[in-house]
Amino acid sequence: MRTWLLRIVTAVLVAIGILSLSLFFCTRVLERGPMATRMRQNTMRELILAGNLLLNHSRTPHDLRAQLPSAITNGAAYMLFDRNMHLVYATDNDPELVMLAEEAYRTGELTGDMPLLHHSAGEREGRLDNAMPFTADDGELYFIAESLSRHNAISEVYTVSWTGFRILALVLAAGLVFLLLRFTEHPAREMRKALRRFARGEYDARVNMDKRFKGDELAKLAYEFNSMAEHMGRLHAEQQRLFGEISHEMRSPLSRMSLAVELAGRSVPPETARLITRIRRDADRLGTLSNEMLELARCQRPAHREEQVSLTDLVRQVAADSRFEAEASGKRVECGPLPEHVEITGNRETLYRMLENVIRNGVRHTPQDTAVSVNMAFAEHAGRDEAIIRIADKGSGVPQEELQSIFRPFVRGSSSHGLEGKGLGLAITRHVAMRHGGSVIGENNPEGGFVVSIRLPVTKRRNEETAVRRLAVQFS
């Protein structure tokens, strides 16, 4: 974290530096640019006008405010001095202002050749802002001093100008800080992406660090993560290989055992026949378990052959094939209207087994004379179209605390006791969906039963009716 703090401090210092440079150049523009020249000339003309009016007023009292221009009488204080700096007249007899004017004269700031024009109003009370010598209408030399410490039109112009430049400088500095933070956040984003992929079971996830961050603390952390991911990937691959080999090796002895039991049961007493039937049933269960374990190991490996698969046709086929098994036990499989020409990229066989596992699981749990419903809809997620396949039964559902765990291998819900199965069907479904870039969730239906929703990214879709319906929903 020391490196991150250093970067943040550096970004703040750079922003302050940019702000300071911006203010410096703005000051130079205001002091030396054409705008500053015009304002100095206007100020000098206004001061000469005010000086002559003050001189005439001191000789012949009259309504001074009515004759002075309103632009220079809005809260300003004026003092008129003769060539010896004796006060002739003041609109605001402030001793501090008089002392400031006399000090400027003594120090040489106020001469006959150069006016004293500060143009820095509004900083503090009692400020002598502008002062200059001028030759009055009677030919005598006088000095006029002005304080804009309260407010007038000239100070407003300067205040607005400075405020605009300061806001612009702050915006530029904030933009630079934002860009710097985005630049330094790049490795953290890469780390988050890799962690999310790793959490989904993608053990080939790696953090691609830019060479510019070599030696950084996050780069070291990325190196450790990549090493861990590689090690975990090897362990997982070895585990799945062993898992598959054990399952494969179990199939041959179980097949021979089933055949031997069947042959032996043809000519045995009834009591022995019952025992042989039980042995055959247990052997069949072990064979089913072996096949499911082998299937789980296969679906966790990257698919070697992918193709464009018509998801619509596949869902219809799986529903039709499962309907025969359901009707044999007094249940039904009902497939709702499906959108046409929906295709995804994947392995047809693994997708078939994924859907078959979920539908068969629903058939086992739904009561007699009820139906397992199969439907498909669309949704947009992360800028892509996804097909959502919903398979719902009318069973007792799954306890809320078990909804996440039932997708792990060999985990069966408490409502599955007494039913066939080893808790591998939903685990296979989850792995197949993830391998195809999708996901699967289970939830209880408020009206009763359990619903499995499989989301898969769609690569091709030509359903004009569905597109029109989506547009109608968006503009309704």
Protein backbone atom coordinates (compact mmCIF):
# COMPACT_ATOMS: atom_id res chain seq x y z
CA MET A 1 0.00 0.00 0.00
CA ARG A 2 2.97 2.34 0.35
CA THR A 3 3.23 2.51 -3.44
CA TRP A 4 -0.43 3.39 -3.78
CA LEU A 5 -0.16 6.12 -1.16
CA LEU A 6 2.89 7.50 -2.93
CA ARG A 7 0.98 7.61 -6.21
CA ILE A 8 -1.98 9.35 -4.65
CA VAL A 9 0.26 11.93 -2.95
CA THR A 10 2.12 12.46 -6.22
CA ALA A 11 -1.16 12.97 -8.07
CA VAL A 12 -2.32 15.53 -5.50
CA LEU A 13 1.00 17.40 -5.67
CA VAL A 14 0.86 17.45 -9.46
CA ALA A 15 -2.69 18.80 -9.31
CA ILE A 16 -1.61 21.54 -6.90
CA GLY A 17 1.31 22.36 -9.19
CA ILE A 18 -0.98 22.64 -12.21
CA LEU A 19 -3.35 24.85 -10.25
CA SER A 20 -0.48 27.11 -9.17
CA LEU A 21 0.87 27.40 -12.71
CA SER A 22 -2.61 28.14 -14.03
CA LEU A 23 -3.09 30.91 -11.48
CA PHE A 24 0.36 32.31 -12.30
CA PHE A 25 -0.34 32.47 -16.04
CA CYS A 26 -3.80 33.89 -15.41
CA THR A 27 -2.21 36.64 -13.33
CA ARG A 28 0.25 37.42 -16.11
CA VAL A 29 -2.58 37.61 -18.63
CA LEU A 30 -4.59 39.95 -16.42
CA GLU A 31 -1.61 42.17 -15.68
CA ARG A 32 -0.03 42.38 -19.15
CA GLY A 33 -2.66 41.40 -21.66
CA PRO A 34 -4.86 43.68 -23.79
CA MET A 35 -7.68 43.29 -21.30
CA ALA A 36 -5.48 44.62 -18.49
CA THR A 37 -4.36 47.57 -20.64
CA ARG A 38 -7.92 48.57 -21.47
CA MET A 39 -8.99 48.36 -17.84
CA ARG A 40 -6.02 50.43 -16.69
CA GLN A 41 -6.90 53.11 -19.23
CA ASN A 42 -10.55 53.11 -18.17
CA THR A 43 -9.56 53.32 -14.52
CA MET A 44 -7.23 56.29 -15.19
CA ARG A 45 -9.96 58.18 -17.08
CA GLU A 46 -12.46 57.52 -14.30
CA LEU A 47 -9.97 58.67 -11.64
CA ILE A 48 -9.25 61.92 -13.52
CA LEU A 49 -12.98 62.55 -13.90
CA ALA A 50 -13.57 61.85 -10.21
CA GLY A 51 -10.63 64.10 -9.24
CA ASN A 52 -11.96 67.09 -11.19
CA LEU A 53 -15.45 66.60 -9.76
CA LEU A 54 -14.05 66.38 -6.21
CA LEU A 55 -12.01 69.56 -6.80
CA ASN A 56 -15.05 71.47 -8.07
CA HIS A 57 -17.13 70.15 -5.18
CA SER A 58 -14.55 71.35 -2.64
CA ARG A 59 -14.75 74.86 -4.08
CA THR A 60 -18.49 74.99 -4.75
CA PRO A 61 -20.48 72.44 -2.72
CA HIS A 62 -23.14 70.65 -4.77
CA ASP A 63 -24.68 67.19 -5.12
CA LEU A 64 -21.49 65.28 -5.83
CA ARG A 65 -23.13 61.81 -6.10
CA ALA A 66 -25.46 63.02 -8.82
CA GLN A 67 -22.51 64.08 -10.99
CA LEU A 68 -20.13 61.16 -10.38
CA PRO A 69 -20.64 58.18 -12.76
CA SER A 70 -22.59 55.40 -11.03
CA ALA A 71 -19.96 52.85 -12.13
CA ILE A 72 -17.39 54.38 -9.78
CA THR A 73 -19.59 55.45 -6.88
CA ASN A 74 -21.00 52.09 -5.88
CA GLY A 75 -19.37 51.81 -2.47
CA ALA A 76 -16.01 53.37 -3.46
CA ALA A 77 -14.14 55.92 -1.31
CA TYR A 78 -12.19 58.83 -2.95
CA MET A 79 -9.56 61.24 -1.56
CA LEU A 80 -8.16 64.30 -3.32
CA PHE A 81 -4.68 65.67 -2.36
CA ASP A 82 -2.76 68.71 -3.59
CA ARG A 83 0.85 68.55 -4.81
CA ASN A 84 2.08 68.66 -1.18
CA MET A 85 -0.17 65.73 -0.18
CA HIS A 86 -2.51 67.91 1.83
CA LEU A 87 -6.01 66.43 1.88
CA VAL A 88 -8.35 68.63 -0.18
CA TYR A 89 -11.50 66.53 -0.05
CA ALA A 90 -12.55 62.97 0.84
CA THR A 91 -15.85 61.16 0.29
CA ASP A 92 -15.02 58.84 3.19
CA ASN A 93 -12.77 60.48 5.78
CA ASP A 94 -10.93 57.29 6.77
CA PRO A 95 -7.61 58.11 8.53
CA GLU A 96 -6.16 54.74 7.54
CA LEU A 97 -6.74 55.42 3.85
CA VAL A 98 -5.15 58.87 4.18
CA MET A 99 -2.09 57.32 5.85
CA LEU A 100 -1.81 54.72 3.08
CA ALA A 101 -1.89 57.41 0.40
CA GLU A 102 0.73 59.52 2.20
CA GLU A 103 2.95 56.43 2.65
CA ALA A 104 2.71 55.64 -1.06
CA TYR A 105 3.79 59.19 -1.84
CA ARG A 106 6.75 59.07 0.59
CA THR A 107 8.02 55.71 -0.66
CA GLY A 108 7.98 56.86 -4.27
CA GLU A 109 5.22 54.51 -5.41
CA LEU A 110 3.09 57.51 -6.30
CA THR A 111 4.96 59.72 -8.77
CA GLY A 112 4.01 62.03 -11.55
CA ASP A 113 4.98 59.49 -14.20
CA MET A 114 3.43 56.19 -13.05
CA PRO A 115 -0.03 55.67 -11.49
CA LEU A 116 -0.44 53.21 -8.65
CA LEU A 117 -3.04 50.72 -9.96
CA HIS A 118 -3.37 47.58 -7.86
CA HIS A 119 -6.66 46.14 -9.17
CA SER A 120 -6.92 43.77 -6.21
CA ALA A 121 -10.15 44.77 -4.58
CA GLY A 122 -12.02 42.78 -2.01
CA GLU A 123 -9.07 41.34 -0.04
CA ARG A 124 -9.44 43.42 3.14
CA GLU A 125 -10.96 46.60 4.46
CA GLY A 126 -8.90 49.79 4.34
CA ARG A 127 -7.06 48.81 1.16
CA LEU A 128 -5.74 51.60 -1.08
CA ASP A 129 -6.48 50.15 -4.50
CA ASN A 130 -5.84 52.89 -7.06
CA ALA A 131 -4.01 56.23 -6.85
CA MET A 132 -2.52 58.54 -9.46
CA PRO A 133 -1.42 62.13 -10.06
CA PHE A 134 -3.33 64.24 -12.59
CA THR A 135 -3.40 67.81 -13.86
CA ALA A 136 -6.71 69.44 -13.05
CA ASP A 137 -8.61 71.85 -15.28
CA ASP A 138 -6.93 74.80 -13.50
CA GLY A 139 -3.46 73.49 -14.48
CA GLU A 140 -2.44 72.46 -10.95
CA LEU A 141 -1.10 68.99 -10.03
CA TYR A 142 -3.30 66.91 -7.74
CA PHE A 143 -3.39 63.34 -6.50
CA ILE A 144 -6.53 61.20 -6.48
CA ALA A 145 -6.76 57.98 -4.41
CA GLU A 146 -9.46 55.34 -4.54
CA SER A 147 -10.46 52.44 -2.28
CA LEU A 148 -12.59 49.66 -3.77
CA SER A 149 -12.58 47.57 -0.62
CA ARG A 150 -16.35 47.23 -0.54
CA HIS A 151 -17.60 46.75 -4.08
CA ASN A 152 -17.82 48.41 -7.48
CA ALA A 153 -18.12 47.45 -11.10
CA ILE A 154 -14.36 47.24 -11.69
CA SER A 155 -13.80 44.93 -8.74
CA GLU A 156 -16.72 42.80 -9.93
CA VAL A 157 -15.07 42.33 -13.32
CA TYR A 158 -11.84 41.23 -11.70
CA THR A 159 -13.62 38.96 -9.22
CA VAL A 160 -15.57 37.24 -12.00
CA SER A 161 -12.42 36.85 -14.11
CA TRP A 162 -10.42 35.36 -11.25
CA THR A 163 -13.27 33.05 -10.29
CA GLY A 164 -13.56 31.75 -13.85
CA PHE A 165 -9.84 31.12 -14.13
CA ARG A 166 -9.73 29.38 -10.77
CA ILE A 167 -12.65 27.12 -11.68
CA LEU A 168 -10.99 26.25 -14.99
CA ALA A 169 -7.72 25.46 -13.23
CA LEU A 170 -9.50 23.28 -10.68
CA VAL A 171 -11.33 21.39 -13.43
CA LEU A 172 -8.07 20.75 -15.30
CA ALA A 173 -6.34 19.62 -12.12
CA ALA A 174 -9.25 17.32 -11.20
CA GLY A 175 -9.20 15.83 -14.71
CA LEU A 176 -5.49 15.09 -14.47
CA VAL A 177 -5.91 13.48 -11.06
CA PHE A 178 -8.74 11.34 -12.45
CA LEU A 179 -6.58 10.17 -15.35
CA LEU A 180 -3.70 9.39 -13.02
CA LEU A 181 -5.94 7.38 -10.72
CA ARG A 182 -7.40 5.49 -13.67
CA PHE A 183 -3.89 4.71 -14.84
CA THR A 184 -2.82 3.42 -11.44
CA GLU A 185 -6.08 1.48 -11.00
CA HIS A 186 -5.39 -0.67 -14.08
CA PRO A 187 -3.53 -3.44 -12.21
CA ALA A 188 -6.26 -3.59 -9.56
CA ARG A 189 -8.90 -4.04 -12.27
CA GLU A 190 -6.89 -6.86 -13.84
CA MET A 191 -6.58 -8.49 -10.43
CA ARG A 192 -10.35 -8.31 -9.82
CA LYS A 193 -11.11 -9.84 -13.24
CA ALA A 194 -8.74 -12.74 -12.61
CA LEU A 195 -10.16 -13.34 -9.13
CA ARG A 196 -13.73 -13.42 -10.46
CA ARG A 197 -12.74 -15.94 -13.14
CA PHE A 198 -10.89 -18.06 -10.59
CA ALA A 199 -13.91 -17.99 -8.27
CA ARG A 200 -16.05 -19.35 -11.14
CA GLY A 201 -13.75 -22.35 -11.40
CA GLU A 202 -11.64 -21.11 -14.32
CA TYR A 203 -8.27 -22.25 -13.06
CA ASP A 204 -6.52 -20.93 -16.17
CA ALA A 205 -7.23 -17.34 -15.04
CA ARG A 206 -4.08 -15.21 -14.87
CA VAL A 207 -3.32 -11.56 -14.09
CA ASN A 208 -1.71 -9.85 -17.08
CA MET A 209 0.49 -7.16 -15.56
CA ASP A 210 1.86 -4.29 -17.65
CA LYS A 211 5.65 -3.98 -17.69
CA ARG A 212 5.25 -0.43 -16.38
CA PHE A 213 4.16 -1.89 -13.04
CA LYS A 214 7.06 -4.30 -12.73
CA GLY A 215 8.39 -4.28 -9.17
CA ASP A 216 5.19 -2.75 -7.80
CA GLU A 217 3.57 -4.33 -4.75
CA LEU A 218 0.51 -5.22 -6.81
CA ALA A 219 2.78 -6.80 -9.43
CA LYS A 220 4.28 -8.99 -6.72
CA LEU A 221 0.79 -9.90 -5.53
CA ALA A 222 -0.19 -10.73 -9.13
CA TYR A 223 2.86 -12.96 -9.46
CA GLU A 224 1.87 -14.82 -6.28
CA PHE A 225 -1.70 -15.17 -7.53
CA ASN A 226 -0.57 -16.53 -10.89
CA SER A 227 1.67 -19.04 -9.15
CA MET A 228 -1.17 -20.14 -6.87
CA ALA A 229 -3.62 -20.38 -9.80
CA GLU A 230 -1.17 -22.50 -11.78
CA HIS A 231 -0.63 -24.82 -8.82
CA MET A 232 -4.37 -25.10 -8.13
CA GLY A 233 -5.00 -25.74 -11.81
CA ARG A 234 -2.53 -28.62 -11.83
CA LEU A 235 -4.07 -30.09 -8.67
CA HIS A 236 -7.58 -29.76 -10.07
CA ALA A 237 -6.59 -31.32 -13.39
CA GLU A 238 -4.90 -34.21 -11.59
CA GLN A 239 -7.91 -34.65 -9.34
CA GLN A 240 -10.30 -34.74 -12.29
CA ARG A 241 -8.04 -37.14 -14.19
CA LEU A 242 -7.96 -39.48 -11.18
CA PHE A 243 -11.69 -39.03 -10.72
CA GLY A 244 -12.35 -40.00 -14.32
CA GLU A 245 -9.96 -42.94 -14.30
CA ILE A 246 -11.50 -44.41 -11.15
CA SER A 247 -14.98 -44.05 -12.62
CA HIS A 248 -13.84 -45.59 -15.88
CA GLU A 249 -12.13 -48.50 -14.13
CA MET A 250 -15.26 -49.17 -12.08
CA ARG A 251 -17.46 -49.56 -15.14
CA SER A 252 -15.93 -52.77 -16.47
CA PRO A 253 -16.09 -54.79 -13.19
CA LEU A 254 -19.61 -53.54 -12.55
CA SER A 255 -20.70 -54.56 -16.04
CA ARG A 256 -19.24 -58.04 -15.56
CA MET A 257 -20.84 -58.28 -12.11
CA SER A 258 -24.26 -57.35 -13.49
CA LEU A 259 -23.95 -59.89 -16.27
CA ALA A 260 -22.83 -62.64 -13.86
CA VAL A 261 -25.66 -61.89 -11.44
CA GLU A 262 -28.20 -61.97 -14.25
CA LEU A 263 -26.93 -65.34 -15.48
CA ALA A 264 -26.82 -66.76 -11.96
CA GLY A 265 -30.37 -65.69 -11.23
CA ARG A 266 -31.90 -67.81 -13.96
CA SER A 267 -31.75 -71.13 -12.09
CA VAL A 268 -31.78 -70.51 -8.35
CA PRO A 269 -34.33 -70.96 -5.56
CA PRO A 270 -36.74 -68.08 -4.87
CA GLU A 271 -34.91 -66.94 -1.73
CA THR A 272 -31.62 -66.81 -3.57
CA ALA A 273 -33.33 -65.02 -6.46
CA ARG A 274 -34.43 -62.24 -4.10
CA LEU A 275 -30.83 -61.78 -2.93
CA ILE A 276 -29.58 -61.76 -6.50
CA THR A 277 -32.19 -59.14 -7.41
CA ARG A 278 -30.94 -56.95 -4.59
CA ILE A 279 -27.33 -57.45 -5.73
CA ARG A 280 -28.32 -56.53 -9.29
CA ARG A 281 -30.10 -53.38 -8.04
CA ASP A 282 -27.07 -52.29 -6.03
CA ALA A 283 -24.78 -53.01 -8.97
CA ASP A 284 -27.00 -50.87 -11.19
CA ARG A 285 -26.80 -48.04 -8.66
CA LEU A 286 -23.02 -48.29 -8.57
CA GLY A 287 -23.00 -48.28 -12.36
CA THR A 288 -25.16 -45.17 -12.43
CA LEU A 289 -22.90 -43.50 -9.86
CA SER A 290 -19.83 -44.43 -11.90
CA ASN A 291 -21.37 -42.98 -15.05
CA GLU A 292 -22.31 -39.74 -13.28
CA MET A 293 -18.83 -39.39 -11.78
CA LEU A 294 -17.30 -39.91 -15.21
CA GLU A 295 -19.71 -37.38 -16.68
CA LEU A 296 -18.84 -34.85 -13.97
CA ALA A 297 -15.13 -35.30 -14.69
CA ARG A 298 -15.72 -34.83 -18.42
CA CYS A 299 -17.85 -31.71 -18.11
CA GLN A 300 -15.18 -30.01 -15.99
CA ARG A 301 -12.66 -30.31 -18.80
CA PRO A 302 -12.55 -27.79 -21.67
CA ALA A 303 -14.78 -28.84 -24.53
CA HIS A 304 -12.78 -30.23 -27.45
CA ARG A 305 -15.55 -29.83 -30.04
CA GLU A 306 -17.87 -26.84 -30.14
CA GLU A 307 -20.47 -26.02 -32.74
CA GLN A 308 -23.52 -23.90 -33.35
CA VAL A 309 -26.36 -25.59 -31.49
CA SER A 310 -30.03 -24.79 -32.00
CA LEU A 311 -31.14 -24.28 -28.42
CA THR A 312 -34.79 -24.31 -29.44
CA ASP A 313 -34.55 -27.75 -31.08
CA LEU A 314 -32.43 -29.09 -28.23
CA VAL A 315 -34.91 -28.06 -25.52
CA ARG A 316 -37.79 -29.58 -27.51
CA GLN A 317 -35.89 -32.84 -28.01
CA VAL A 318 -34.91 -33.22 -24.34
CA ALA A 319 -38.46 -32.44 -23.22
CA ALA A 320 -39.89 -35.01 -25.65
CA ASP A 321 -37.40 -37.70 -24.60
CA SER A 322 -38.10 -37.08 -20.90
CA ARG A 323 -41.85 -37.19 -21.44
CA PHE A 324 -41.87 -40.98 -21.92
CA GLU A 325 -40.10 -41.59 -18.60
CA ALA A 326 -42.45 -39.18 -16.81
CA GLU A 327 -45.63 -40.73 -18.24
CA ALA A 328 -44.53 -44.18 -17.08
CA SER A 329 -44.75 -42.92 -13.48
CA GLY A 330 -47.99 -40.97 -13.90
CA LYS A 331 -46.35 -37.57 -14.39
CA ARG A 332 -46.02 -35.13 -17.29
CA VAL A 333 -43.41 -32.92 -18.93
CA GLU A 334 -44.95 -29.84 -20.53
CA CYS A 335 -42.90 -27.67 -22.87
CA GLY A 336 -44.22 -24.14 -23.37
CA PRO A 337 -43.96 -22.05 -26.57
CA LEU A 338 -40.31 -21.56 -27.51
CA PRO A 339 -38.79 -18.81 -29.67
CA GLU A 340 -37.48 -20.09 -32.99
CA HIS A 341 -33.94 -19.98 -34.39
CA VAL A 342 -32.06 -19.49 -31.13
CA GLU A 343 -28.49 -20.72 -31.36
CA ILE A 344 -25.57 -20.90 -28.95
CA THR A 345 -21.97 -22.03 -29.31
CA GLY A 346 -21.20 -25.19 -27.38
CA ASN A 347 -21.10 -28.96 -27.24
CA ARG A 348 -24.47 -30.48 -28.08
CA GLU A 349 -24.00 -33.70 -26.08
CA THR A 350 -23.02 -31.99 -22.84
CA LEU A 351 -25.84 -29.46 -23.22
CA TYR A 352 -28.29 -32.32 -23.79
CA ARG A 353 -27.16 -34.12 -20.64
CA MET A 354 -27.32 -30.88 -18.66
CA LEU A 355 -30.98 -30.30 -19.57
CA GLU A 356 -31.81 -33.99 -19.14
CA ASN A 357 -30.36 -34.00 -15.61
CA VAL A 358 -32.52 -31.06 -14.53
CA ILE A 359 -35.74 -32.35 -16.13
CA ARG A 360 -35.25 -35.86 -14.72
CA ASN A 361 -34.55 -34.34 -11.31
CA GLY A 362 -37.84 -32.43 -11.57
CA VAL A 363 -39.71 -35.57 -12.61
CA ARG A 364 -38.39 -37.42 -9.54
CA HIS A 365 -39.58 -34.68 -7.18
CA THR A 366 -42.92 -33.67 -8.68
CA PRO A 367 -45.97 -35.57 -7.33
CA GLN A 368 -48.10 -37.85 -9.50
CA ASP A 369 -50.66 -36.22 -11.80
CA THR A 370 -48.57 -33.04 -11.89
CA ALA A 371 -46.27 -31.69 -14.57
CA VAL A 372 -42.72 -30.44 -14.91
CA SER A 373 -42.88 -27.26 -17.02
CA VAL A 374 -40.11 -26.22 -19.42
CA ASN A 375 -40.00 -22.64 -20.74
CA MET A 376 -37.48 -20.33 -22.36
CA ALA A 377 -37.28 -16.53 -22.33
CA PHE A 378 -34.72 -13.82 -23.02
CA ALA A 379 -32.95 -11.21 -20.95
CA GLU A 380 -30.13 -8.75 -21.51
CA HIS A 381 -27.17 -8.97 -19.15
CA ALA A 382 -23.83 -7.13 -19.39
CA GLY A 383 -24.61 -5.99 -22.93
CA ARG A 384 -25.42 -9.44 -24.34
CA ASP A 385 -28.56 -11.48 -24.98
CA GLU A 386 -29.07 -14.51 -22.78
CA ALA A 387 -31.52 -17.36 -23.04
CA ILE A 388 -33.12 -18.30 -19.72
CA ILE A 389 -34.40 -21.88 -19.56
CA ARG A 390 -36.76 -22.37 -16.60
CA ILE A 391 -37.56 -25.91 -15.44
CA ALA A 392 -40.14 -26.03 -12.63
CA ASP A 393 -41.65 -28.93 -10.71
CA LYS A 394 -44.52 -29.09 -8.22
CA GLY A 395 -42.60 -30.76 -5.41
CA SER A 396 -41.99 -29.61 -1.86
CA GLY A 397 -39.11 -27.30 -2.80
CA VAL A 398 -35.73 -26.91 -1.12
CA PRO A 399 -35.04 -25.32 2.29
CA GLN A 400 -33.69 -21.81 1.91
CA GLU A 401 -30.38 -22.62 3.60
CA GLU A 402 -29.72 -25.43 1.09
CA LEU A 403 -30.29 -23.46 -2.13
CA GLN A 404 -26.58 -22.74 -2.66
CA SER A 405 -25.17 -26.09 -1.55
CA ILE A 406 -27.33 -28.36 -3.73
CA PHE A 407 -25.20 -27.51 -6.78
CA ARG A 408 -22.10 -29.03 -5.18
CA PRO A 409 -21.15 -32.67 -5.91
CA PHE A 410 -22.67 -35.38 -3.67
CA VAL A 411 -24.95 -32.87 -1.90
CA ARG A 412 -28.61 -33.82 -1.76
CA GLY A 413 -31.37 -31.70 -0.36
CA SER A 414 -33.25 -32.82 2.70
CA SER A 415 -36.36 -33.19 0.53
CA SER A 416 -34.58 -35.85 -1.61
CA HIS A 417 -34.46 -38.58 1.04
CA GLY A 418 -36.05 -41.75 -0.23
CA LEU A 419 -35.49 -40.80 -3.87
CA GLU A 420 -32.89 -42.14 -6.26
CA GLY A 421 -29.81 -40.09 -7.07
CA LYS A 422 -26.38 -39.37 -5.65
CA GLY A 423 -26.36 -35.57 -5.76
CA LEU A 424 -24.35 -35.25 -8.98
CA GLY A 425 -27.02 -34.14 -11.47
CA LEU A 426 -27.20 -30.48 -10.44
CA ALA A 427 -23.42 -30.33 -10.00
CA ILE A 428 -23.02 -31.49 -13.61
CA THR A 429 -25.59 -28.89 -14.68
CA ARG A 430 -23.67 -26.10 -12.96
CA HIS A 431 -20.33 -27.07 -14.52
CA VAL A 432 -21.78 -27.41 -18.03
CA ALA A 433 -23.50 -24.01 -17.78
CA MET A 434 -20.27 -22.36 -16.58
CA ARG A 435 -18.27 -24.01 -19.39
CA HIS A 436 -20.65 -22.39 -21.86
CA GLY A 437 -20.33 -18.94 -20.28
CA GLY A 438 -23.59 -19.16 -18.40
CA SER A 439 -24.88 -19.77 -14.90
CA VAL A 440 -27.56 -21.68 -13.04
CA ILE A 441 -29.60 -20.82 -9.97
CA GLY A 442 -32.28 -22.62 -8.00
CA GLU A 443 -35.19 -21.00 -6.19
CA ASN A 444 -38.47 -21.96 -4.63
CA ASN A 445 -41.64 -21.09 -6.48
CA PRO A 446 -43.97 -19.01 -4.25
CA GLU A 447 -46.86 -21.11 -5.61
CA GLY A 448 -45.07 -24.33 -4.68
CA GLY A 449 -42.30 -26.39 -6.16
CA PHE A 450 -38.70 -25.82 -7.17
CA VAL A 451 -37.44 -23.84 -10.19
CA VAL A 452 -34.04 -24.20 -11.86
CA SER A 453 -33.07 -21.29 -14.14
CA ILE A 454 -30.23 -21.85 -16.62
CA ARG A 455 -28.79 -18.75 -18.31
CA LEU A 456 -26.79 -19.24 -21.52
CA PRO A 457 -25.35 -16.56 -23.86
CA VAL A 458 -27.05 -16.47 -27.25
CA THR A 459 -24.84 -16.19 -30.35
CA LYS A 460 -27.59 -16.12 -32.98
CA ARG A 461 -31.21 -15.14 -32.73
CA ARG A 462 -33.75 -14.52 -35.48
CA ASN A 463 -37.06 -14.22 -33.77
CA GLU A 464 -38.70 -11.10 -35.20
CA GLU A 465 -41.84 -11.54 -33.12
CA THR A 466 -39.82 -11.62 -29.89
CA ALA A 467 -37.82 -8.56 -30.99
CA VAL A 468 -41.03 -6.65 -31.68
CA ARG A 469 -42.38 -7.63 -28.25
CA ARG A 470 -39.19 -6.38 -26.55
CA LEU A 471 -39.40 -3.05 -28.41
CA ALA A 472 -43.04 -2.72 -27.43
CA VAL A 473 -42.13 -3.29 -23.77
CA GLN A 474 -39.32 -0.71 -23.93
CA PHE A 475 -41.54 2.03 -25.39
CA SER A 476 -44.67 1.25 -23.40
